C-alpha atoms as a PDB file:
ATOM      1  CA  MET A   1      97.119 105.394 102.127  1.00  0.00           C
ATOM      2  CA  ILE A   2      97.483 108.956 101.481  1.00  0.00           C
ATOM      3  CA  ALA A   3      99.978 109.827  98.630  1.00  0.00           C
ATOM      4  CA  ARG A   4      98.979 113.452  98.404  1.00  0.00           C
ATOM      5  CA  LEU A   5      97.919 116.620 100.091  1.00  0.00           C
ATOM      6  CA  THR A   6      96.597 119.609  98.483  1.00  0.00           C
ATOM      7  CA  GLY A   7      94.829 122.238 100.826  1.00  0.00           C
ATOM      8  CA  THR A   8      95.502 125.599 102.874  1.00  0.00           C
ATOM      9  CA  LEU A   9      98.799 125.797 105.177  1.00  0.00           C
ATOM     10  CA  ILE A  10      97.335 126.484 108.268  1.00  0.00           C
ATOM     11  CA  GLU A  11     100.153 126.084 110.845  1.00  0.00           C
ATOM     12  CA  LYS A  12     104.000 126.325 110.787  1.00  0.00           C
ATOM     13  CA  GLN A  13     105.865 125.203 113.867  1.00  0.00           C
ATOM     14  CA  PRO A  14     108.983 123.485 113.088  1.00  0.00           C
ATOM     15  CA  PRO A  15     108.946 120.632 112.016  1.00  0.00           C
ATOM     16  CA  VAL A  16     105.230 120.202 112.183  1.00  0.00           C
ATOM     17  CA  LEU A  17     102.771 121.847 108.978  1.00  0.00           C
ATOM     18  CA  VAL A  18      99.401 121.368 109.333  1.00  0.00           C
ATOM     19  CA  VAL A  19      96.951 121.396 106.162  1.00  0.00           C
ATOM     20  CA  ASP A  20      93.326 122.441 105.869  1.00  0.00           C
ATOM     21  CA  VAL A  21      91.636 120.130 102.918  1.00  0.00           C
ATOM     22  CA  ASN A  22      88.104 120.884 103.113  1.00  0.00           C
ATOM     23  CA  GLY A  23      87.766 121.543 106.859  1.00  0.00           C
ATOM     24  CA  VAL A  24      89.899 118.795 107.966  1.00  0.00           C
ATOM     25  CA  GLY A  25      93.266 119.589 109.011  1.00  0.00           C
ATOM     26  CA  TYR A  26      96.184 117.122 108.530  1.00  0.00           C
ATOM     27  CA  GLU A  27      99.076 117.336 110.705  1.00  0.00           C
ATOM     28  CA  LEU A  28     102.441 116.262 108.867  1.00  0.00           C
ATOM     29  CA  GLU A  29     106.177 116.838 109.686  1.00  0.00           C
ATOM     30  CA  ALA A  30     108.358 117.616 107.026  1.00  0.00           C
ATOM     31  CA  PRO A  31     112.177 118.073 106.342  1.00  0.00           C
ATOM     32  CA  MET A  32     113.332 121.935 106.516  1.00  0.00           C
ATOM     33  CA  SER A  33     114.081 122.121 102.752  1.00  0.00           C
ATOM     34  CA  THR A  34     109.848 121.546 102.352  1.00  0.00           C
ATOM     35  CA  PHE A  35     109.060 123.785 105.506  1.00  0.00           C
ATOM     36  CA  TYR A  36     111.488 126.670 104.151  1.00  0.00           C
ATOM     37  CA  LYS A  37     109.412 126.273 100.707  1.00  0.00           C
ATOM     38  CA  VAL A  38     105.340 126.696 101.569  1.00  0.00           C
ATOM     39  CA  THR A  39     104.165 129.963 103.406  1.00  0.00           C
ATOM     40  CA  LEU A  40     101.234 130.269 105.891  1.00  0.00           C
ATOM     41  CA  GLY A  41      97.774 130.884 104.404  1.00  0.00           C
ATOM     42  CA  ALA A  42      99.181 129.578 100.756  1.00  0.00           C
ATOM     43  CA  THR A  43      97.620 126.725  99.519  1.00  0.00           C
ATOM     44  CA  VAL A  44     100.344 123.916  99.114  1.00  0.00           C
ATOM     45  CA  THR A  45     100.483 120.679  97.464  1.00  0.00           C
ATOM     46  CA  LEU A  46     102.635 117.759  99.733  1.00  0.00           C
ATOM     47  CA  HIS A  47     103.576 114.556  98.549  1.00  0.00           C
ATOM     48  CA  VAL A  48     102.867 112.222 101.970  1.00  0.00           C
ATOM     49  CA  HIS A  49     104.442 109.529 103.053  1.00  0.00           C
ATOM     50  CA  GLN A  50     102.351 107.739 105.606  1.00  0.00           C
ATOM     51  CA  VAL A  51     103.022 105.557 108.822  1.00  0.00           C
ATOM     52  CA  VAL A  52     100.706 103.813 110.388  1.00  0.00           C
ATOM     53  CA  ARG A  53     101.451 102.148 114.046  1.00  0.00           C
ATOM     54  CA  GLU A  54      99.569 100.789 116.710  1.00  0.00           C
ATOM     55  CA  ASP A  55      99.370 103.881 118.499  1.00  0.00           C
ATOM     56  CA  ALA A  56      99.684 106.230 115.676  1.00  0.00           C
ATOM     57  CA  ASN A  57      99.073 107.602 112.153  1.00  0.00           C
ATOM     58  CA  LEU A  58     101.503 109.686 111.255  1.00  0.00           C
ATOM     59  CA  LEU A  59     102.107 111.585 107.972  1.00  0.00           C
ATOM     60  CA  TYR A  60     104.936 113.168 106.578  1.00  0.00           C
ATOM     61  CA  GLY A  61     105.017 115.721 103.907  1.00  0.00           C
ATOM     62  CA  PHE A  62     107.390 116.804 101.192  1.00  0.00           C
ATOM     63  CA  ALA A  63     107.642 119.470  98.768  1.00  0.00           C
ATOM     64  CA  SER A  64     108.676 116.875  95.741  1.00  0.00           C
ATOM     65  CA  ARG A  65     108.252 113.557  94.980  1.00  0.00           C
ATOM     66  CA  GLU A  66     111.667 112.786  94.762  1.00  0.00           C
ATOM     67  CA  GLU A  67     111.803 114.115  98.613  1.00  0.00           C
ATOM     68  CA  ARG A  68     108.989 111.668  99.705  1.00  0.00           C
ATOM     69  CA  ASP A  69     110.890 108.590  97.481  1.00  0.00           C
ATOM     70  CA  MET A  70     114.389 109.726  99.298  1.00  0.00           C
ATOM     71  CA  CYS A  71     112.698 109.232 102.561  1.00  0.00           C
ATOM     72  CA  ARG A  72     111.411 106.138 101.536  1.00  0.00           C
ATOM     73  CA  THR A  73     114.585 104.864 100.588  1.00  0.00           C
ATOM     74  CA  LEU A  74     115.948 106.061 103.755  1.00  0.00           C
ATOM     75  CA  LEU A  75     113.828 104.126 105.934  1.00  0.00           C
ATOM     76  CA  LYS A  76     114.755 100.689 103.789  1.00  0.00           C
ATOM     77  CA  VAL A  77     118.331 101.628 105.951  1.00  0.00           C
ATOM     78  CA  ASN A  78     118.775  99.697 108.917  1.00  0.00           C
ATOM     79  CA  GLY A  79     118.496 101.712 111.275  1.00  0.00           C
ATOM     80  CA  VAL A  80     116.913 104.916 109.624  1.00  0.00           C
ATOM     81  CA  GLY A  81     113.650 105.991 111.068  1.00  0.00           C
ATOM     82  CA  PRO A  82     111.637 108.654 110.292  1.00  0.00           C
ATOM     83  CA  LYS A  83     113.420 111.168 112.678  1.00  0.00           C
ATOM     84  CA  MET A  84     116.431 110.578 110.841  1.00  0.00           C
ATOM     85  CA  ALA A  85     115.348 110.269 107.632  1.00  0.00           C
ATOM     86  CA  LEU A  86     113.754 114.033 107.995  1.00  0.00           C
ATOM     87  CA  ALA A  87     117.291 114.900 109.645  1.00  0.00           C
ATOM     88  CA  ILE A  88     119.021 114.249 106.991  1.00  0.00           C
ATOM     89  CA  LEU A  89     116.822 115.663 104.461  1.00  0.00           C
ATOM     90  CA  SER A  90     116.882 118.771 106.120  1.00  0.00           C
ATOM     91  CA  GLY A  91     120.434 119.431 106.411  1.00  0.00           C
ATOM     92  CA  MET A  92     121.013 118.377 102.493  1.00  0.00           C
ATOM     93  CA  GLU A  93     118.935 117.949  99.470  1.00  0.00           C
ATOM     94  CA  ALA A  94     118.113 114.588  97.967  1.00  0.00           C
ATOM     95  CA  ASP A  95     119.680 114.891  94.260  1.00  0.00           C
ATOM     96  CA  ALA A  96     123.015 116.201  96.726  1.00  0.00           C
ATOM     97  CA  PHE A  97     122.588 113.040  99.090  1.00  0.00           C
ATOM     98  CA  ALA A  98     122.114 110.914  96.514  1.00  0.00           C
ATOM     99  CA  ALA A  99     125.386 112.139  94.449  1.00  0.00           C
ATOM    100  CA  CYS A 100     127.196 111.926  98.284  1.00  0.00           C
ATOM    101  CA  ILE A 101     125.635 108.018  98.578  1.00  0.00           C
ATOM    102  CA  ARG A 102     127.128 107.747  94.864  1.00  0.00           C
ATOM    103  CA  GLN A 103     131.002 109.046  95.879  1.00  0.00           C
ATOM    104  CA  GLY A 104     130.885 107.084  99.074  1.00  0.00           C
ATOM    105  CA  ASP A 105     131.184 110.808 100.445  1.00  0.00           C
ATOM    106  CA  VAL A 106     131.684 110.200 103.811  1.00  0.00           C
ATOM    107  CA  THR A 107     133.194 113.909 105.085  1.00  0.00           C
ATOM    108  CA  THR A 108     130.158 115.507 103.670  1.00  0.00           C
ATOM    109  CA  LEU A 109     126.993 113.140 105.601  1.00  0.00           C
ATOM    110  CA  THR A 110     128.629 113.223 109.009  1.00  0.00           C
ATOM    111  CA  ARG A 111     128.458 117.472 108.225  1.00  0.00           C
ATOM    112  CA  ILE A 112     124.560 117.061 109.006  1.00  0.00           C
ATOM    113  CA  PRO A 113     123.211 116.875 112.333  1.00  0.00           C
ATOM    114  CA  GLY A 114     122.670 113.303 114.161  1.00  0.00           C
ATOM    115  CA  VAL A 115     124.852 111.510 111.354  1.00  0.00           C
ATOM    116  CA  GLY A 116     128.199 109.816 112.730  1.00  0.00           C
ATOM    117  CA  LYS A 117     130.845 108.459 110.997  1.00  0.00           C
ATOM    118  CA  LYS A 118     129.526 104.910 111.351  1.00  0.00           C
ATOM    119  CA  THR A 119     125.786 106.042 110.198  1.00  0.00           C
ATOM    120  CA  ALA A 120     126.914 107.549 106.645  1.00  0.00           C
ATOM    121  CA  GLU A 121     128.829 104.529 106.028  1.00  0.00           C
ATOM    122  CA  ARG A 122     125.835 102.488 106.279  1.00  0.00           C
ATOM    123  CA  LEU A 123     124.385 104.673 104.500  1.00  0.00           C
ATOM    124  CA  ILE A 124     126.487 104.496 101.730  1.00  0.00           C
ATOM    125  CA  ILE A 125     127.056 100.722 101.661  1.00  0.00           C
ATOM    126  CA  GLU A 126     123.271 100.005 102.098  1.00  0.00           C
ATOM    127  CA  MET A 127     121.856 103.152  99.655  1.00  0.00           C
ATOM    128  CA  ARG A 128     124.387 102.785  96.886  1.00  0.00           C
ATOM    129  CA  ASP A 129     122.991 100.132  94.757  1.00  0.00           C
ATOM    130  CA  ARG A 130     119.013 101.864  94.975  1.00  0.00           C
ATOM    131  CA  VAL A 131     120.625 105.434  94.029  1.00  0.00           C
ATOM    132  CA  GLY A 132     122.191 103.332  91.299  1.00  0.00           C
ATOM    133  CA  ASP A 133     124.669 105.654  88.575  1.00  0.00           C
ATOM    134  CA  GLY A 134     122.906 108.822  88.535  1.00  0.00           C
ATOM    135  CA  THR A 135     120.938 108.055  85.502  1.00  0.00           C
ATOM    136  CA  ALA A 136     117.728 105.457  85.270  1.00  0.00           C
ATOM    137  CA  GLY A 137     117.858 104.281  88.442  1.00  0.00           C
ATOM    138  CA  LEU A 138     118.337 107.752  90.380  1.00  0.00           C
ATOM    139  CA  ASN A 139     115.762 109.084  87.778  1.00  0.00           C
ATOM    140  CA  LEU A 140     113.208 105.899  88.740  1.00  0.00           C
ATOM    141  CA  LEU A 141     113.725 106.544  92.254  1.00  0.00           C
ATOM    142  CA  ALA A 142     113.234 110.760  92.011  1.00  0.00           C
ATOM    143  CA  GLY A 143     109.844 109.911  90.202  1.00  0.00           C
ATOM    144  CA  GLU A 144     111.452 112.258  87.176  1.00  0.00           C
ATOM    145  CA  ALA A 145     109.798 111.898  84.054  1.00  0.00           C
ATOM    146  CA  VAL A 146     110.952 109.011  82.083  1.00  0.00           C
ATOM    147  CA  PRO A 147     108.949 108.105  78.715  1.00  0.00           C
ATOM    148  CA  ALA A 148     106.479 105.123  79.540  1.00  0.00           C
ATOM    149  CA  THR A 149     107.556 102.020  77.913  1.00  0.00           C
ATOM    150  CA  PRO A 150     106.973  98.355  78.802  1.00  0.00           C
ATOM    151  CA  GLU A 151     110.152  98.124  79.617  1.00  0.00           C
ATOM    152  CA  ARG A 152     110.426 101.024  81.971  1.00  0.00           C
ATOM    153  CA  ASP A 153     106.932 100.511  83.724  1.00  0.00           C
ATOM    154  CA  ALA A 154     108.189  97.012  84.275  1.00  0.00           C
ATOM    155  CA  VAL A 155     111.348  98.501  86.034  1.00  0.00           C
ATOM    156  CA  THR A 156     109.344 100.094  88.077  1.00  0.00           C
ATOM    157  CA  ALA A 157     107.160  97.534  89.338  1.00  0.00           C
ATOM    158  CA  LEU A 158     110.319  95.517  90.412  1.00  0.00           C
ATOM    159  CA  ILE A 159     112.000  98.496  91.820  1.00  0.00           C
ATOM    160  CA  ALA A 160     108.462  98.371  93.878  1.00  0.00           C
ATOM    161  CA  LEU A 161     108.732  95.014  94.540  1.00  0.00           C
ATOM    162  CA  GLY A 162     112.273  95.967  96.440  1.00  0.00           C
ATOM    163  CA  TYR A 163     114.794  94.597  94.124  1.00  0.00           C
ATOM    164  CA  LYS A 164     117.672  96.837  93.594  1.00  0.00           C
ATOM    165  CA  PRO A 165     116.854  99.705  90.298  1.00  0.00           C
ATOM    166  CA  ALA A 166     120.347  98.022  88.389  1.00  0.00           C
ATOM    167  CA  GLU A 167     119.169  94.732  88.771  1.00  0.00           C
ATOM    168  CA  ALA A 168     115.742  95.699  87.461  1.00  0.00           C
ATOM    169  CA  GLU A 169     117.151  97.111  84.681  1.00  0.00           C
ATOM    170  CA  ARG A 170     118.970  93.819  83.828  1.00  0.00           C
ATOM    171  CA  ALA A 171     116.673  91.418  84.311  1.00  0.00           C
ATOM    172  CA  VAL A 172     114.104  92.918  82.371  1.00  0.00           C
ATOM    173  CA  GLY A 173     116.803  93.959  79.243  1.00  0.00           C
ATOM    174  CA  ARG A 174     117.700  90.486  78.921  1.00  0.00           C
ATOM    175  CA  ILE A 175     114.159  89.541  77.793  1.00  0.00           C
ATOM    176  CA  LYS A 176     113.957  89.531  74.419  1.00  0.00           C
ATOM    177  CA  ALA A 177     110.368  90.011  73.493  1.00  0.00           C
ATOM    178  CA  ASP A 178     109.249  92.362  70.823  1.00  0.00           C
ATOM    179  CA  ASN A 179     105.819  94.254  71.572  1.00  0.00           C
ATOM    180  CA  ALA A 180     105.281  92.132  75.156  1.00  0.00           C
ATOM    181  CA  SER A 181     103.261  94.308  77.424  1.00  0.00           C
ATOM    182  CA  ALA A 182     104.639  95.720  81.126  1.00  0.00           C
ATOM    183  CA  GLU A 183     102.388  92.777  82.954  1.00  0.00           C
ATOM    184  CA  ASP A 184     104.427  89.969  80.264  1.00  0.00           C
ATOM    185  CA  LEU A 185     107.800  91.565  81.055  1.00  0.00           C
ATOM    186  CA  ILE A 186     107.210  91.534  84.543  1.00  0.00           C
ATOM    187  CA  ARG A 187     106.373  88.562  84.826  1.00  0.00           C
ATOM    188  CA  GLN A 188     109.159  86.921  82.390  1.00  0.00           C
ATOM    189  CA  ALA A 189     111.910  88.514  84.677  1.00  0.00           C
ATOM    190  CA  LEU A 190     110.880  88.088  87.968  1.00  0.00           C
ATOM    191  CA  LYS A 191     110.755  84.162  86.632  1.00  0.00           C
ATOM    192  CA  GLY A 192     114.244  84.774  85.439  1.00  0.00           C
ATOM    193  CA  MET A 193     115.630  86.516  89.037  1.00  0.00           C
ATOM    194  CA  VAL A 194     114.247  83.093  90.744  1.00  0.00           C
ATOM    195  CA  ARG A 195     116.474  80.765  88.228  1.00  0.00           C
ATOM    196  CA  ALA A 196     119.265  82.958  88.577  1.00  0.00           C
END
């Protein structure tokens, strides 16, 4: 999987960017929020989401890890594909979008082109638990710097496995083990979730 690219931006045609990395041109689609932050001919670093299909290998580029992670979270919503995820992130910054989800703000979400009332309601219902309360869950989702501890690493791993941030935090928080490694915490948390 391609996670990040650094190279020279050689083409810029909305929504497509072409980045030359050591003589290889990578074509990526990007939301407008990223598109406006990059300059033709400049060295750019893009966080990448890769989609491999039977008929195509697609790359989506983002100026920040937060945007990329929000795109990945959007893709887990029923009926949201890469094009709609890019449209949403083109219409609103990732942190503003997360705030709309937490507040249940259907009106603001429907101002994004391509997002109707039903889609906005579905986004709120399906994503509310995934963006958390704006503290630990969103920080993990956004990839922000959180002090590395075995507990944090365990929560991050559980979220990567598909558990909701609040659920992962509760599962790790229930474990009473001093000086346990992240692997031990993950193992115990998974056992506890299976029993629950």
